[in-house]
Amino acid sequence: MIHELPLERRTLHGHFSRDLEPVLAVDPGDSIAFSLPNAGWYVERERRFEPYDEELDAGHALAGPIEVRGARAGQTLAVSVDDVRPGPWGVTHAREVRLDWELEGATGRDRGGRTVTLRPFLGVLGMPPPAPGRHSTGPPRRWGGNIDCKELVAGTTLFLPIPVDGALFSAGDGHALQGDGEVSGTAIECPIDRAVLTLDLRDGPELPGPVARCRDAWLAFGFDKDLDAAADVATASMLDVMERELGLETDEALALASVAVDLRVTQVVNGAKGVHAVLRDDAIRIAG
């Protein structure tokens, strides 16, 4: 079943909190469809969504939270990205420079005539920390959030450890295109005309942090203020994936990871830096 979530004040929020009332409750396996302002709450280049609260809406414009019936803390939420369609415009900031983009089909063109091929995705996919109170949408956490990984395009499934009963999942931060690192602090930030996500539950295994299944690879994420520590977390999580999916012992997985797994910098600008370990399906071929 697909639930259409209208773009209105009651369906948007700008912080994470386990105390926010869900705007919708869905059954496991249901899909949600929604549109969004850009991360800064703009619905047009110079027009912000109203009403807007400077304190409560200081973070990304997020759709949700969505309750998943039967979800319990400690389970895994599977978020299948079915569709992400950017709006007709986007913007990128870098110090004193602002690039304004026209977005059409698979192409973005800035006012200088430079063109790029778009790969739209949602930068924020996640759930609130288990602690009460308001929490920033800025940093990624083990329960998701502002992951900002350019690989989470349509066709990908993201697996997240559930921190609170009901899950209380939210999504937002439309990116028409981003490079690994997001080095200026912004991608092509755009509104979203339509996104469709399917939410499902898994009983195990308990995950240390986000893991994703792409069309041809596994991804495992690590977040920390220190980039080396983030890399350690991503590596450990990928070793868990390799043990589980390939039937390897830990040291064997580590040896194979050293020759077959790529560590990539997800982003360096969200407070907690991100690293994603990538294991492509064709990287290790098992005989027999």
Protein backbone atom coordinates (compact mmCIF):
# COMPACT_ATOMS: atom_id res chain seq x y z
CA MET A 1 0.00 0.00 0.00
CA ILE A 2 1.24 3.52 -0.86
CA HIS A 3 0.40 6.33 1.56
CA GLU A 4 0.44 9.82 0.04
CA LEU A 5 1.81 12.34 2.54
CA PRO A 6 0.69 15.89 1.66
CA LEU A 7 3.15 18.78 1.78
CA GLU A 8 1.78 20.85 4.65
CA ARG A 9 2.88 22.23 7.99
CA ARG A 10 1.75 19.23 10.05
CA THR A 11 3.85 16.77 7.98
CA LEU A 12 7.15 18.72 8.30
CA HIS A 13 9.60 19.18 11.15
CA GLY A 14 13.14 20.54 11.56
CA HIS A 15 14.59 18.50 14.43
CA PHE A 16 14.70 14.92 15.67
CA SER A 17 12.84 13.95 18.82
CA ARG A 18 11.27 10.78 20.16
CA ASP A 19 8.59 13.09 21.59
CA LEU A 20 7.26 14.23 18.19
CA GLU A 21 3.84 12.81 17.39
CA PRO A 22 3.84 10.65 14.26
CA VAL A 23 2.02 12.20 11.30
CA LEU A 24 1.20 8.77 9.86
CA ALA A 25 1.23 5.12 10.98
CA VAL A 26 1.97 2.42 8.40
CA ASP A 27 2.21 -1.34 8.38
CA PRO A 28 5.55 -3.04 7.63
CA GLY A 29 5.92 -3.31 3.86
CA ASP A 30 3.89 -0.17 3.16
CA SER A 31 5.25 2.70 1.07
CA ILE A 32 5.08 6.45 1.64
CA ALA A 33 5.13 9.08 -1.11
CA PHE A 34 5.87 12.74 -0.39
CA SER A 35 7.27 16.01 -1.70
CA LEU A 36 9.52 18.42 0.18
CA PRO A 37 11.05 21.89 0.27
CA ASN A 38 14.83 21.91 -0.03
CA ALA A 39 16.93 21.41 3.10
CA GLY A 40 16.66 25.11 3.97
CA TRP A 41 12.85 24.99 3.75
CA TYR A 42 12.74 26.81 0.39
CA VAL A 43 9.96 25.87 -2.03
CA GLU A 44 11.22 28.38 -4.61
CA ARG A 45 14.66 29.96 -4.94
CA GLU A 46 13.76 32.99 -2.85
CA ARG A 47 10.58 31.80 -1.09
CA ARG A 48 10.69 29.83 2.13
CA PHE A 49 7.93 27.50 3.23
CA GLU A 50 5.59 29.19 5.69
CA PRO A 51 4.87 29.07 8.55
CA TYR A 52 8.48 28.61 9.66
CA ASP A 53 9.73 28.56 13.27
CA GLU A 54 13.31 29.86 13.60
CA GLU A 55 13.98 27.66 16.64
CA LEU A 56 12.06 24.44 15.99
CA ASP A 57 12.77 24.40 12.24
CA ALA A 58 16.47 25.26 12.39
CA GLY A 59 17.41 21.92 10.83
CA HIS A 60 16.59 20.24 7.52
CA ALA A 61 12.98 20.21 6.35
CA LEU A 62 11.96 16.60 7.05
CA ALA A 63 8.81 14.66 6.22
CA GLY A 64 7.47 12.65 9.13
CA PRO A 65 7.88 11.22 11.62
CA ILE A 66 6.32 7.97 10.37
CA GLU A 67 5.34 5.28 12.86
CA VAL A 68 5.85 1.70 11.68
CA ARG A 69 3.35 -0.51 13.48
CA GLY A 70 4.97 -3.23 15.53
CA ALA A 71 8.48 -1.74 15.33
CA ARG A 72 10.50 -2.24 18.50
CA ALA A 73 13.82 -0.81 19.61
CA GLY A 74 16.60 -3.21 18.65
CA GLN A 75 14.97 -4.39 15.45
CA THR A 76 16.15 -3.27 12.01
CA LEU A 77 14.26 -0.88 9.75
CA ALA A 78 14.66 -1.62 6.03
CA VAL A 79 14.18 1.55 3.94
CA SER A 80 13.84 0.80 0.24
CA VAL A 81 14.38 3.87 -1.94
CA ASP A 82 11.90 3.38 -4.76
CA ASP A 83 11.92 6.83 -6.40
CA VAL A 84 13.51 10.27 -5.93
CA ARG A 85 12.55 13.04 -8.35
CA PRO A 86 14.11 16.48 -7.85
CA GLY A 87 12.26 19.72 -8.42
CA PRO A 88 13.16 22.10 -11.27
CA TRP A 89 15.88 24.07 -9.48
CA GLY A 90 18.78 23.67 -7.10
CA VAL A 91 21.51 25.71 -5.42
CA THR A 92 25.09 25.09 -4.24
CA HIS A 93 26.95 27.39 -1.84
CA ALA A 94 30.72 27.66 -1.36
CA ARG A 95 32.04 30.57 0.72
CA GLU A 96 31.09 33.68 -1.31
CA VAL A 97 29.92 31.75 -4.38
CA ARG A 98 26.39 30.59 -5.12
CA LEU A 99 25.64 28.34 -8.09
CA ASP A 100 22.03 28.36 -9.28
CA TRP A 101 21.00 25.26 -11.22
CA GLU A 102 18.20 24.47 -13.62
CA LEU A 103 17.26 20.81 -13.33
CA GLU A 104 15.55 18.95 -16.15
CA GLY A 105 15.42 15.22 -16.63
CA ALA A 106 18.87 13.78 -15.88
CA THR A 107 20.73 17.06 -16.47
CA GLY A 108 21.63 20.04 -14.32
CA ARG A 109 22.88 23.30 -15.86
CA ASP A 110 24.22 26.28 -13.94
CA ARG A 111 24.04 29.89 -15.12
CA GLY A 112 27.59 29.65 -16.45
CA GLY A 113 26.46 26.97 -18.91
CA ARG A 114 28.17 24.09 -17.12
CA THR A 115 26.26 20.81 -17.12
CA VAL A 116 26.30 17.73 -14.88
CA THR A 117 24.48 14.40 -14.90
CA LEU A 118 22.11 14.10 -11.96
CA ARG A 119 21.93 11.23 -9.44
CA PRO A 120 19.23 12.37 -7.00
CA PHE A 121 18.97 11.03 -3.46
CA LEU A 122 17.79 12.02 0.02
CA GLY A 123 20.56 13.18 2.34
CA VAL A 124 18.59 12.54 5.52
CA LEU A 125 17.08 9.12 6.23
CA GLY A 126 16.76 8.22 9.88
CA MET A 127 15.18 8.07 13.29
CA PRO A 128 15.57 10.07 16.54
CA PRO A 129 18.10 9.24 19.25
CA PRO A 130 16.55 7.33 22.16
CA ALA A 131 17.29 10.16 24.62
CA PRO A 132 14.38 12.59 25.18
CA GLY A 133 14.49 16.20 24.01
CA ARG A 134 15.32 17.92 20.72
CA HIS A 135 18.27 16.76 18.62
CA SER A 136 19.88 18.46 15.62
CA THR A 137 19.31 17.06 12.14
CA GLY A 138 22.92 18.01 11.27
CA PRO A 139 25.08 15.02 12.24
CA PRO A 140 24.58 11.41 11.14
CA ARG A 141 24.13 8.87 13.91
CA ARG A 142 24.00 5.08 14.19
CA TRP A 143 20.22 5.31 13.67
CA GLY A 144 20.68 7.25 10.42
CA GLY A 145 20.00 10.94 9.91
CA ASN A 146 22.10 13.25 7.76
CA ILE A 147 24.12 10.46 6.12
CA ASP A 148 24.65 12.39 2.85
CA CYS A 149 25.79 9.35 0.88
CA LYS A 150 25.53 9.78 -2.89
CA GLU A 151 25.06 6.00 -3.37
CA LEU A 152 21.60 5.96 -1.70
CA VAL A 153 19.76 6.46 -4.98
CA ALA A 154 16.59 4.72 -6.17
CA GLY A 155 17.08 0.96 -6.13
CA THR A 156 18.99 0.97 -2.83
CA THR A 157 17.82 -0.45 0.52
CA LEU A 158 19.18 1.12 3.71
CA PHE A 159 19.15 -0.94 6.91
CA LEU A 160 19.03 1.01 10.18
CA PRO A 161 19.01 -0.11 13.83
CA ILE A 162 15.73 1.06 15.39
CA PRO A 163 16.28 3.24 18.50
CA VAL A 164 12.68 3.69 19.73
CA ASP A 165 9.43 1.75 19.60
CA GLY A 166 7.43 2.69 16.51
CA ALA A 167 10.65 3.69 14.65
CA LEU A 168 9.47 7.32 14.06
CA PHE A 169 11.24 7.53 10.71
CA SER A 170 11.83 10.82 8.86
CA ALA A 171 13.35 11.77 5.51
CA GLY A 172 14.45 14.87 3.65
CA ASP A 173 17.39 16.94 2.32
CA GLY A 174 16.97 16.49 -1.43
CA HIS A 175 20.23 16.36 -3.38
CA ALA A 176 20.19 16.34 -7.18
CA LEU A 177 23.92 15.51 -7.23
CA GLN A 178 26.76 15.32 -4.72
CA GLY A 179 30.41 14.29 -4.75
CA ASP A 180 31.97 12.10 -2.07
CA GLY A 181 32.94 14.42 0.78
CA GLU A 182 30.42 17.21 0.02
CA VAL A 183 33.43 19.45 0.54
CA SER A 184 31.73 22.88 0.38
CA GLY A 185 29.02 21.79 2.82
CA THR A 186 26.29 21.66 0.18
CA ALA A 187 25.41 19.47 -2.77
CA ILE A 188 22.93 20.59 -5.44
CA GLU A 189 20.33 21.32 -2.79
CA CYS A 190 16.88 20.97 -4.31
CA PRO A 191 13.23 20.51 -3.43
CA ILE A 192 11.79 17.08 -4.06
CA ASP A 193 8.80 16.79 -6.39
CA ARG A 194 8.20 13.17 -5.38
CA ALA A 195 9.96 10.53 -3.32
CA VAL A 196 8.70 7.03 -2.61
CA LEU A 197 10.12 4.89 0.20
CA THR A 198 9.05 1.45 1.41
CA LEU A 199 9.46 0.72 5.14
CA ASP A 200 9.81 -2.82 6.45
CA LEU A 201 11.04 -4.61 9.57
CA ARG A 202 13.77 -7.18 10.16
CA ASP A 203 14.35 -9.06 13.42
CA GLY A 204 18.08 -9.40 13.03
CA PRO A 205 20.94 -9.22 13.12
CA GLU A 206 21.36 -6.24 15.44
CA LEU A 207 23.36 -3.68 13.48
CA PRO A 208 26.08 -1.40 14.89
CA GLY A 209 25.03 1.29 12.41
CA PRO A 210 23.66 1.81 8.92
CA VAL A 211 24.27 -0.79 6.22
CA ALA A 212 23.00 -0.49 2.65
CA ARG A 213 22.42 -2.86 -0.22
CA CYS A 214 22.92 -1.22 -3.63
CA ARG A 215 22.29 -2.82 -7.01
CA ASP A 216 25.81 -4.29 -7.16
CA ALA A 217 27.45 -3.71 -3.77
CA TRP A 218 27.19 -3.68 0.01
CA LEU A 219 27.90 -0.46 1.93
CA ALA A 220 28.70 -0.16 5.64
CA PHE A 221 28.89 3.22 7.37
CA GLY A 222 30.92 4.72 10.19
CA PHE A 223 30.46 8.16 11.78
CA ASP A 224 32.69 10.03 14.22
CA LYS A 225 34.16 13.48 14.76
CA ASP A 226 37.51 11.86 13.93
CA LEU A 227 37.80 10.55 10.37
CA ASP A 228 40.13 7.71 11.40
CA ALA A 229 37.60 6.54 13.99
CA ALA A 230 34.82 6.72 11.41
CA ALA A 231 36.92 4.54 9.10
CA ASP A 232 37.43 2.01 11.90
CA VAL A 233 33.68 1.81 12.53
CA ALA A 234 32.89 1.40 8.82
CA THR A 235 35.53 -1.33 8.50
CA ALA A 236 34.26 -3.25 11.51
CA SER A 237 30.70 -3.04 10.21
CA MET A 238 31.80 -4.29 6.78
CA LEU A 239 33.59 -7.25 8.39
CA ASP A 240 30.27 -8.14 10.02
CA VAL A 241 28.62 -8.02 6.59
CA MET A 242 31.32 -10.22 5.07
CA GLU A 243 31.06 -12.78 7.87
CA ARG A 244 27.29 -12.88 7.51
CA GLU A 245 26.96 -12.77 3.72
CA LEU A 246 30.07 -14.72 2.69
CA GLY A 247 30.39 -17.11 5.65
CA LEU A 248 33.87 -15.90 6.58
CA GLU A 249 35.76 -15.90 9.87
CA THR A 250 36.74 -12.47 11.20
CA ASP A 251 40.46 -12.59 10.37
CA GLU A 252 39.71 -14.09 6.97
CA ALA A 253 37.23 -11.27 6.31
CA LEU A 254 39.83 -8.69 7.37
CA ALA A 255 42.43 -10.12 4.99
CA LEU A 256 39.99 -10.16 2.08
CA ALA A 257 38.71 -6.67 2.97
CA SER A 258 42.25 -5.37 2.63
CA VAL A 259 42.30 -6.40 -1.03
CA ALA A 260 38.63 -6.08 -2.03
CA VAL A 261 36.92 -3.37 0.07
CA ASP A 262 37.14 0.35 -0.70
CA LEU A 263 36.89 2.97 2.05
CA ARG A 264 35.31 6.17 0.76
CA VAL A 265 34.74 9.47 2.52
CA THR A 266 30.98 10.04 2.62
CA GLN A 267 31.12 13.62 3.91
CA VAL A 268 33.41 15.78 6.06
CA VAL A 269 31.04 18.66 6.88
CA ASN A 270 28.29 17.41 9.22
CA GLY A 271 30.05 17.50 12.59
CA ALA A 272 30.34 13.72 12.66
CA LYS A 273 32.37 12.78 9.58
CA GLY A 274 31.28 9.79 7.51
CA VAL A 275 33.09 6.89 5.86
CA HIS A 276 31.42 4.15 3.85
CA ALA A 277 33.08 0.83 3.13
CA VAL A 278 32.16 -0.60 -0.27
CA LEU A 279 32.21 -4.27 -1.23
CA ARG A 280 31.23 -4.79 -4.85
CA ASP A 281 29.55 -8.07 -5.80
CA ASP A 282 32.28 -8.89 -8.30
CA ALA A 283 35.17 -8.08 -5.97
CA ILE A 284 35.41 -11.61 -4.49
CA ARG A 285 34.48 -14.66 -6.58
CA ILE A 286 33.94 -17.88 -4.67
CA ALA A 287 34.58 -21.12 -6.55
CA GLY A 288 31.98 -23.86 -6.65
